Amino acid sequence: MTYEAEVQFKFDATFTPTYGTSSWTSDDYIPEEHYKITAPAADLNCKQYFKLFEKFMLCVGMDPASIRSAAMSLVFNDCVREEDQRKVCAEYELTMDEDLDKKYEQWKERDAQWAKMNAHYEKNFGSEPKIKGDHMPPWGHSDMEALVDSADGVA
């Protein structure tokens, strides 16, 4: 047994200018537009359907930021259970507004632990070890002149 399915998104538009009523010209518009997007639907998953619909919305002139906002509104609205919203947050590593105070306290605690570990390291081990010769000043102009003088007649 075989199963075949196809999904189609279709957009048809016509533009009939009204001459003499505005300062713009009909050159700004295409008189007729037809878009038809098709895809085999037998094996599409939910994310693929959304990608297909995103392409259709882009094709008819929707702004990518508006598309993303609309997609997020499907999850984060009053009609969706908070438990389901939290599952999406966990999947995409998002933090809900009501959880920001808790997250801030966790960051403060982590920063305090880091400061404590750093102080313990400095107390027990001191500063970073010096590299041999690290106490030497950087090369200056007089050092370069001394090298040039010592190299005279070598080449």
Protein backbone atom coordinates (compact mmCIF):
# COMPACT_ATOMS: atom_id res chain seq x y z
CA MET A 1 0.00 0.00 0.00
CA THR A 2 1.37 3.41 -0.90
CA TYR A 3 0.39 6.74 0.53
CA GLU A 4 0.91 9.99 -1.32
CA ALA A 5 0.04 13.43 -0.05
CA GLU A 6 0.85 16.95 -1.08
CA VAL A 7 0.42 20.22 0.76
CA GLN A 8 -0.04 23.47 -1.18
CA PHE A 9 0.10 27.11 -0.23
CA LYS A 10 -1.33 29.37 -2.90
CA PHE A 11 -1.38 33.16 -3.17
CA ASP A 12 -3.03 35.12 -5.99
CA ALA A 13 -3.08 38.89 -6.16
CA THR A 14 -4.08 41.46 -8.76
CA PHE A 15 -3.50 45.19 -8.73
CA THR A 16 -5.68 47.57 -10.67
CA PRO A 17 -4.37 51.13 -10.44
CA THR A 18 -6.70 54.09 -10.10
CA TYR A 19 -5.08 56.74 -12.22
CA GLY A 20 -4.98 60.37 -11.15
CA THR A 21 -5.74 59.80 -7.45
CA SER A 22 -2.25 59.61 -5.99
CA SER A 23 1.35 60.73 -6.48
CA TRP A 24 2.74 57.20 -6.80
CA THR A 25 2.91 55.35 -10.08
CA SER A 26 1.85 51.85 -11.00
CA ASP A 27 5.53 51.01 -11.64
CA ASP A 28 5.78 50.29 -7.91
CA TYR A 29 3.40 47.33 -8.19
CA ILE A 30 3.19 44.15 -10.21
CA PRO A 31 -0.24 43.94 -11.86
CA GLU A 32 -0.67 40.27 -11.11
CA GLU A 33 1.14 37.83 -8.82
CA HIS A 34 0.68 34.10 -8.34
CA TYR A 35 2.64 32.01 -5.86
CA LYS A 36 2.17 28.31 -5.35
CA ILE A 37 4.39 26.36 -2.99
CA THR A 38 3.97 22.62 -2.89
CA ALA A 39 5.70 19.92 -0.89
CA PRO A 40 5.22 16.20 -0.37
CA ALA A 41 3.25 15.95 2.84
CA ALA A 42 3.44 12.24 3.54
CA ASP A 43 6.62 12.45 5.60
CA LEU A 44 6.71 16.05 6.86
CA ASN A 45 7.08 16.56 10.57
CA CYS A 46 5.77 19.56 12.48
CA LYS A 47 8.97 21.61 12.21
CA GLN A 48 9.09 21.00 8.47
CA TYR A 49 5.51 22.23 8.13
CA PHE A 50 6.47 25.39 10.00
CA LYS A 51 9.51 25.89 7.74
CA LEU A 52 7.28 25.47 4.70
CA PHE A 53 4.75 27.95 6.02
CA GLU A 54 7.56 30.36 6.90
CA LYS A 55 8.70 30.27 3.27
CA PHE A 56 5.16 30.97 2.15
CA MET A 57 4.82 33.93 4.51
CA LEU A 58 8.16 35.34 3.33
CA CYS A 59 6.98 34.89 -0.23
CA VAL A 60 3.86 36.99 0.37
CA GLY A 61 5.86 39.76 2.03
CA MET A 62 5.81 39.06 5.76
CA ASP A 63 8.71 40.37 7.84
CA PRO A 64 10.97 37.64 9.34
CA ALA A 65 10.75 39.26 12.79
CA SER A 66 6.94 39.22 12.61
CA ILE A 67 7.00 35.56 11.62
CA ARG A 68 9.19 34.65 14.59
CA SER A 69 7.02 36.71 16.94
CA ALA A 70 3.89 34.98 15.69
CA ALA A 71 5.49 31.55 16.13
CA MET A 72 6.46 32.38 19.72
CA SER A 73 2.93 33.63 20.42
CA LEU A 74 1.71 30.08 19.77
CA VAL A 75 3.66 28.95 22.84
CA PHE A 76 3.71 31.96 25.14
CA ASN A 77 0.11 33.02 25.54
CA ASP A 78 -2.58 32.69 28.20
CA CYS A 79 -4.21 29.69 26.48
CA VAL A 80 -1.12 27.47 26.84
CA ARG A 81 -0.44 25.76 30.17
CA GLU A 82 2.58 27.06 32.05
CA GLU A 83 3.93 23.50 32.26
CA ASP A 84 4.04 23.30 28.45
CA GLN A 85 5.66 26.73 28.23
CA ARG A 86 8.35 25.62 30.66
CA LYS A 87 9.06 22.51 28.55
CA VAL A 88 9.78 24.77 25.56
CA CYS A 89 11.95 27.00 27.74
CA ALA A 90 13.96 24.00 28.88
CA GLU A 91 14.35 22.75 25.31
CA TYR A 92 15.69 26.08 24.04
CA GLU A 93 17.45 27.21 27.24
CA LEU A 94 15.14 30.18 27.81
CA THR A 95 14.27 31.85 31.10
CA MET A 96 10.75 33.04 31.78
CA ASP A 97 10.34 36.53 33.25
CA GLU A 98 8.95 35.20 36.52
CA ASP A 99 12.12 33.11 36.97
CA LEU A 100 14.61 35.96 36.51
CA ASP A 101 14.89 36.78 40.24
CA LYS A 102 15.75 33.16 41.04
CA LYS A 103 18.27 33.07 38.16
CA TYR A 104 19.86 36.33 39.40
CA GLU A 105 20.29 34.85 42.89
CA GLN A 106 21.95 31.78 41.35
CA TRP A 107 24.37 34.02 39.45
CA LYS A 108 25.20 35.98 42.60
CA GLU A 109 25.86 32.73 44.48
CA ARG A 110 28.06 31.42 41.66
CA ASP A 111 30.02 34.70 41.54
CA ALA A 112 30.56 34.55 45.32
CA GLN A 113 31.83 30.97 45.04
CA TRP A 114 34.19 32.00 42.25
CA ALA A 115 35.54 34.90 44.32
CA LYS A 116 36.06 32.53 47.27
CA MET A 117 37.94 30.00 45.10
CA ASN A 118 40.06 32.75 43.57
CA ALA A 119 40.94 34.16 47.01
CA HIS A 120 41.86 30.65 48.21
CA TYR A 121 44.14 30.18 45.19
CA GLU A 122 45.90 33.52 45.70
CA LYS A 123 46.32 32.82 49.43
CA ASN A 124 47.85 29.37 48.92
CA PHE A 125 49.70 29.76 45.65
CA GLY A 126 50.34 33.48 45.30
CA SER A 127 50.46 35.07 41.91
CA GLU A 128 51.18 33.42 38.59
CA PRO A 129 54.73 32.00 38.34
CA LYS A 130 57.21 34.23 36.59
CA ILE A 131 58.85 33.07 33.42
CA LYS A 132 62.65 33.00 33.57
CA GLY A 133 63.91 36.39 32.48
CA ASP A 134 60.49 37.97 32.96
CA HIS A 135 62.09 40.60 35.20
CA MET A 136 63.97 42.01 32.19
CA PRO A 137 62.68 45.30 30.84
CA PRO A 138 61.40 45.25 27.26
CA TRP A 139 63.77 46.09 24.47
CA GLY A 140 64.23 49.82 24.07
CA HIS A 141 65.86 52.08 21.54
CA SER A 142 69.27 52.01 23.25
CA ASP A 143 69.23 48.19 23.28
CA MET A 144 68.61 48.13 19.54
CA GLU A 145 71.46 50.61 18.95
CA ALA A 146 73.79 48.38 20.98
CA LEU A 147 72.87 45.40 18.79
CA VAL A 148 73.47 47.39 15.61
CA ASP A 149 76.84 48.60 16.93
CA SER A 150 77.91 45.09 17.85
CA ALA A 151 76.89 43.80 14.43
CA ASP A 152 78.97 46.36 12.51
CA GLY A 153 81.44 44.63 10.29
CA VAL A 154 79.91 41.18 10.80
CA ALA A 155 78.06 41.10 7.50
